[in-house]
Each structure stands twice: as C-alpha cells, then as structure tokens.
N, C-alpha and C. Protein backbone atom coordinates (compact mmCIF):
# COMPACT_ATOMS: atom_id res chain seq x y z
N ASN A 1 1.24 -5.57 0.01
CA ASN A 1 2.60 -5.28 -0.36
C ASN A 1 2.89 -5.89 -1.72
N LYS A 2 3.47 -5.10 -2.58
CA LYS A 2 3.70 -5.54 -3.96
C LYS A 2 4.64 -6.74 -4.06
N ALA A 3 5.47 -6.93 -3.09
CA ALA A 3 6.42 -8.05 -3.13
C ALA A 3 5.69 -9.39 -3.12
N PHE A 4 4.45 -9.40 -2.64
CA PHE A 4 3.64 -10.62 -2.56
C PHE A 4 2.39 -10.54 -3.45
N PHE A 5 2.44 -9.74 -4.49
CA PHE A 5 1.25 -9.41 -5.27
C PHE A 5 0.49 -10.65 -5.75
N ASP A 6 1.13 -11.52 -6.51
CA ASP A 6 0.42 -12.69 -7.05
C ASP A 6 -0.11 -13.60 -5.94
N TYR A 7 0.65 -13.72 -4.87
CA TYR A 7 0.22 -14.55 -3.75
C TYR A 7 -1.07 -14.00 -3.14
N VAL A 8 -1.12 -12.71 -2.94
CA VAL A 8 -2.30 -12.09 -2.34
C VAL A 8 -3.49 -12.17 -3.28
N VAL A 9 -3.27 -11.97 -4.57
CA VAL A 9 -4.35 -12.03 -5.54
C VAL A 9 -5.05 -13.39 -5.48
N GLN A 10 -4.31 -14.44 -5.21
CA GLN A 10 -4.86 -15.79 -5.14
C GLN A 10 -5.69 -16.03 -3.88
N GLN A 11 -5.64 -15.15 -2.90
CA GLN A 11 -6.28 -15.38 -1.61
C GLN A 11 -7.77 -15.06 -1.59
N GLY A 12 -8.27 -14.41 -2.59
CA GLY A 12 -9.69 -14.13 -2.57
C GLY A 12 -10.09 -13.11 -3.61
N PRO A 13 -11.38 -12.98 -3.80
CA PRO A 13 -11.87 -12.07 -4.84
C PRO A 13 -11.69 -10.61 -4.45
N ALA A 14 -11.15 -9.88 -5.37
CA ALA A 14 -11.00 -8.43 -5.22
C ALA A 14 -10.51 -7.89 -6.55
N ILE A 15 -10.60 -6.61 -6.73
CA ILE A 15 -10.03 -5.98 -7.91
C ILE A 15 -8.68 -5.43 -7.50
N TRP A 16 -7.62 -6.03 -8.04
CA TRP A 16 -6.26 -5.67 -7.64
C TRP A 16 -5.63 -4.76 -8.69
N GLN A 17 -4.91 -3.75 -8.23
CA GLN A 17 -4.21 -2.84 -9.13
C GLN A 17 -2.72 -2.94 -8.86
N GLU A 18 -1.97 -3.26 -9.89
CA GLU A 18 -0.52 -3.42 -9.72
C GLU A 18 0.18 -2.09 -9.45
N GLU A 19 -0.31 -1.02 -10.07
CA GLU A 19 0.39 0.25 -9.94
C GLU A 19 -0.50 1.30 -9.29
N ALA A 20 -0.42 1.40 -7.98
CA ALA A 20 -1.16 2.40 -7.23
C ALA A 20 -0.65 2.39 -5.80
N ARG A 21 -0.39 3.55 -5.23
CA ARG A 21 0.01 3.63 -3.83
C ARG A 21 -1.19 3.32 -2.94
N TRP A 22 -2.34 3.85 -3.32
CA TRP A 22 -3.58 3.55 -2.63
C TRP A 22 -4.72 3.64 -3.64
N VAL A 23 -5.83 3.03 -3.28
CA VAL A 23 -7.00 3.01 -4.16
C VAL A 23 -8.22 3.44 -3.35
N GLU A 24 -9.01 4.30 -3.93
CA GLU A 24 -10.25 4.74 -3.31
C GLU A 24 -11.41 4.15 -4.10
N SER A 25 -12.32 3.50 -3.39
CA SER A 25 -13.50 2.92 -4.02
C SER A 25 -14.69 3.20 -3.11
N GLY A 26 -15.44 4.22 -3.46
CA GLY A 26 -16.56 4.62 -2.61
C GLY A 26 -16.06 5.06 -1.25
N ARG A 27 -16.57 4.44 -0.20
CA ARG A 27 -16.15 4.82 1.15
C ARG A 27 -14.93 4.05 1.63
N PHE A 28 -14.40 3.17 0.78
CA PHE A 28 -13.24 2.36 1.15
C PHE A 28 -11.97 2.90 0.52
N VAL A 29 -10.91 2.89 1.30
CA VAL A 29 -9.60 3.31 0.82
C VAL A 29 -8.60 2.27 1.31
N THR A 30 -7.82 1.71 0.39
CA THR A 30 -6.83 0.69 0.76
C THR A 30 -5.48 1.07 0.19
N SER A 31 -4.43 0.61 0.84
CA SER A 31 -3.08 0.94 0.39
C SER A 31 -2.30 -0.32 0.04
N SER A 32 -1.14 -0.10 -0.58
CA SER A 32 -0.35 -1.22 -1.07
C SER A 32 0.84 -1.56 -0.19
N GLY A 33 0.93 -0.98 0.96
CA GLY A 33 2.05 -1.28 1.85
C GLY A 33 2.07 -0.31 3.02
N VAL A 34 3.08 -0.43 3.85
CA VAL A 34 3.14 0.37 5.08
C VAL A 34 3.30 1.86 4.77
N SER A 35 4.32 2.23 4.02
CA SER A 35 4.50 3.66 3.74
C SER A 35 3.39 4.18 2.83
N ALA A 36 2.87 3.33 1.94
CA ALA A 36 1.73 3.72 1.12
C ALA A 36 0.51 3.99 2.01
N GLY A 37 0.42 3.27 3.12
CA GLY A 37 -0.66 3.50 4.07
C GLY A 37 -0.57 4.87 4.71
N ILE A 38 0.63 5.34 4.93
CA ILE A 38 0.80 6.70 5.46
C ILE A 38 0.36 7.71 4.41
N ASP A 39 0.80 7.49 3.15
CA ASP A 39 0.37 8.37 2.06
C ASP A 39 -1.15 8.37 1.95
N MET A 40 -1.75 7.18 2.04
CA MET A 40 -3.20 7.04 1.95
C MET A 40 -3.87 7.80 3.10
N SER A 41 -3.35 7.65 4.30
CA SER A 41 -3.94 8.32 5.47
C SER A 41 -3.89 9.83 5.31
N LEU A 42 -2.81 10.33 4.78
CA LEU A 42 -2.70 11.76 4.55
C LEU A 42 -3.70 12.21 3.49
N ALA A 43 -3.94 11.38 2.48
CA ALA A 43 -4.95 11.70 1.46
C ALA A 43 -6.34 11.74 2.08
N VAL A 44 -6.61 10.84 3.01
CA VAL A 44 -7.91 10.84 3.70
C VAL A 44 -8.03 12.10 4.56
N LEU A 45 -6.97 12.45 5.26
CA LEU A 45 -6.99 13.69 6.03
C LEU A 45 -7.25 14.88 5.12
N GLU A 46 -6.60 14.88 3.96
CA GLU A 46 -6.82 15.97 3.01
C GLU A 46 -8.29 16.04 2.59
N ARG A 47 -8.89 14.89 2.32
CA ARG A 47 -10.28 14.86 1.88
C ARG A 47 -11.22 15.46 2.93
N PHE A 48 -10.98 15.13 4.20
CA PHE A 48 -11.88 15.58 5.26
C PHE A 48 -11.53 16.94 5.85
N PHE A 49 -10.23 17.27 5.90
CA PHE A 49 -9.82 18.47 6.62
C PHE A 49 -9.06 19.49 5.78
N GLY A 50 -8.77 19.14 4.53
CA GLY A 50 -8.07 20.07 3.65
C GLY A 50 -6.58 19.77 3.52
N ARG A 51 -6.03 20.28 2.45
CA ARG A 51 -4.63 20.01 2.13
C ARG A 51 -3.67 20.55 3.19
N SER A 52 -3.95 21.71 3.71
CA SER A 52 -3.03 22.31 4.68
C SER A 52 -2.91 21.45 5.94
N VAL A 53 -3.99 20.84 6.38
CA VAL A 53 -3.94 19.96 7.55
C VAL A 53 -3.11 18.72 7.23
N ALA A 54 -3.33 18.12 6.07
CA ALA A 54 -2.56 16.94 5.69
C ALA A 54 -1.07 17.27 5.59
N GLN A 55 -0.75 18.40 5.00
CA GLN A 55 0.65 18.81 4.89
C GLN A 55 1.26 19.08 6.27
N MET A 56 0.47 19.66 7.18
CA MET A 56 0.95 19.93 8.53
C MET A 56 1.25 18.61 9.25
N VAL A 57 0.39 17.62 9.11
CA VAL A 57 0.62 16.32 9.75
C VAL A 57 1.86 15.66 9.16
N ALA A 58 2.01 15.70 7.84
CA ALA A 58 3.20 15.12 7.21
C ALA A 58 4.46 15.80 7.73
N GLN A 59 4.44 17.11 7.79
CA GLN A 59 5.61 17.86 8.26
C GLN A 59 5.91 17.57 9.72
N SER A 60 4.88 17.54 10.56
CA SER A 60 5.10 17.35 11.99
C SER A 60 5.57 15.93 12.32
N THR A 61 5.27 14.98 11.43
CA THR A 61 5.73 13.60 11.64
C THR A 61 7.01 13.31 10.86
N GLU A 62 7.56 14.35 10.26
CA GLU A 62 8.81 14.25 9.48
C GLU A 62 8.69 13.21 8.38
N TYR A 63 7.57 13.29 7.65
CA TYR A 63 7.29 12.34 6.57
C TYR A 63 7.18 13.10 5.26
N VAL A 64 7.83 12.57 4.22
CA VAL A 64 7.72 13.16 2.89
C VAL A 64 6.55 12.49 2.19
N TRP A 65 5.49 13.22 1.99
CA TRP A 65 4.23 12.70 1.48
C TRP A 65 4.27 12.54 -0.03
N ASN A 66 4.01 11.33 -0.49
CA ASN A 66 3.78 11.06 -1.91
C ASN A 66 2.28 11.23 -2.10
N ASP A 67 1.87 12.38 -2.58
CA ASP A 67 0.43 12.70 -2.58
C ASP A 67 -0.30 12.32 -3.87
N ASP A 68 0.36 11.58 -4.75
CA ASP A 68 -0.28 11.14 -5.98
C ASP A 68 -0.35 9.61 -5.98
N ALA A 69 -1.56 9.08 -5.83
CA ALA A 69 -1.74 7.63 -5.72
C ALA A 69 -1.25 6.89 -6.95
N SER A 70 -1.23 7.55 -8.11
CA SER A 70 -0.84 6.87 -9.34
C SER A 70 0.67 6.78 -9.52
N ILE A 71 1.42 7.53 -8.75
CA ILE A 71 2.88 7.47 -8.83
C ILE A 71 3.36 6.48 -7.79
N ASP A 72 3.74 5.32 -8.27
CA ASP A 72 4.13 4.23 -7.36
C ASP A 72 5.55 3.78 -7.68
N PRO A 73 6.52 4.29 -6.95
CA PRO A 73 7.92 3.95 -7.24
C PRO A 73 8.28 2.51 -6.92
N PHE A 74 7.36 1.76 -6.33
CA PHE A 74 7.67 0.39 -5.92
C PHE A 74 7.03 -0.66 -6.81
N THR A 75 6.49 -0.27 -7.94
CA THR A 75 5.89 -1.23 -8.86
C THR A 75 6.91 -2.28 -9.29
N GLY A 76 8.17 -1.90 -9.34
CA GLY A 76 9.22 -2.85 -9.70
C GLY A 76 9.41 -3.96 -8.68
N ASN A 77 8.80 -3.82 -7.52
CA ASN A 77 8.92 -4.85 -6.47
C ASN A 77 7.89 -5.96 -6.61
N ILE A 78 7.05 -5.90 -7.63
CA ILE A 78 5.99 -6.91 -7.76
C ILE A 78 6.60 -8.30 -7.78
N ASN A 79 6.12 -9.10 -6.86
CA ASN A 79 6.48 -10.52 -6.73
C ASN A 79 7.94 -10.79 -6.40
N THR A 80 8.68 -9.82 -5.91
CA THR A 80 10.08 -10.06 -5.57
C THR A 80 10.23 -10.97 -4.36
N ALA A 81 9.20 -11.08 -3.54
CA ALA A 81 9.29 -11.92 -2.34
C ALA A 81 8.67 -13.29 -2.52
N VAL A 82 8.24 -13.61 -3.73
CA VAL A 82 7.57 -14.90 -3.96
C VAL A 82 8.40 -16.08 -3.45
N PRO A 83 9.70 -16.13 -3.68
CA PRO A 83 10.45 -17.27 -3.13
C PRO A 83 10.33 -17.38 -1.60
N TYR A 84 10.17 -16.27 -0.92
CA TYR A 84 10.05 -16.28 0.53
C TYR A 84 8.70 -16.84 0.97
N VAL A 85 7.66 -16.64 0.17
CA VAL A 85 6.34 -17.19 0.50
C VAL A 85 6.44 -18.70 0.60
N ASP A 86 7.02 -19.32 -0.42
CA ASP A 86 7.17 -20.78 -0.40
C ASP A 86 8.02 -21.22 0.78
N TYR A 87 9.10 -20.52 1.02
CA TYR A 87 9.99 -20.87 2.12
C TYR A 87 9.26 -20.79 3.46
N LEU A 88 8.55 -19.70 3.69
CA LEU A 88 7.84 -19.54 4.96
C LEU A 88 6.71 -20.55 5.11
N ARG A 89 5.97 -20.80 4.05
CA ARG A 89 4.90 -21.79 4.10
C ARG A 89 5.47 -23.16 4.44
N ASP A 90 6.54 -23.55 3.78
CA ASP A 90 7.16 -24.85 4.05
C ASP A 90 7.72 -24.92 5.46
N SER A 91 8.32 -23.82 5.91
CA SER A 91 8.89 -23.80 7.27
C SER A 91 7.84 -23.97 8.33
N PHE A 92 6.68 -23.30 8.18
CA PHE A 92 5.64 -23.38 9.18
C PHE A 92 4.86 -24.69 9.09
N SER A 93 4.76 -25.26 7.92
CA SER A 93 4.02 -26.51 7.79
C SER A 93 4.79 -27.69 8.39
N GLU A 94 6.10 -27.53 8.55
CA GLU A 94 6.93 -28.58 9.15
C GLU A 94 6.80 -28.59 10.66
N ARG A 95 6.26 -27.55 11.24
CA ARG A 95 6.18 -27.46 12.71
C ARG A 95 4.97 -28.11 13.24
C-alpha cells in the first residue's frame, strides 16, 4: 500500500515502483494495494483466458476495472500513513 511506501521499502530487498497499480516480473505479479490486487487479478485472468473473460468477471462482480497498470490514481498517497506507523509501533511495543 502506497500509504506505507517508505516503511515497506526499508523491510527488505526488492525493486519498488512508486507509480504502478501492479507489476509483472517473469512469473510473478504483485500489486500495490487491495483494489490494485483486484485489477492485477483481472489482468492475470486476461493473460490466461482473454480479455472478454476478464471483463465478464469484472462486470459480474460489479467492479470497475482499471486495466492499465501504469495509471495509478493513488500515487499521491505515498507515505500518507507514515505517522500511523510510528504510532502503531509505539502502541504495540508498550504492551
């Protein structure tokens, strides 16, 4: 989730992309959040079963599919939750 971007980047080695709904790297596909995961899943369905199947699943689940991984309307959310990370860490460490 982009709201925790810098925090997650510090957790381990990976190639992180700030602006992407999902990223495909070989046989791996990862998303940047919950709704991005739905978009990603529909893209995977499209890859294996064709666009019409992916569109049918989106329609039947009443989901508006953002089918372009490079269009990420939530890039502006990068690190917006950082104050909450510190708060939650401090809250749990006190217990």
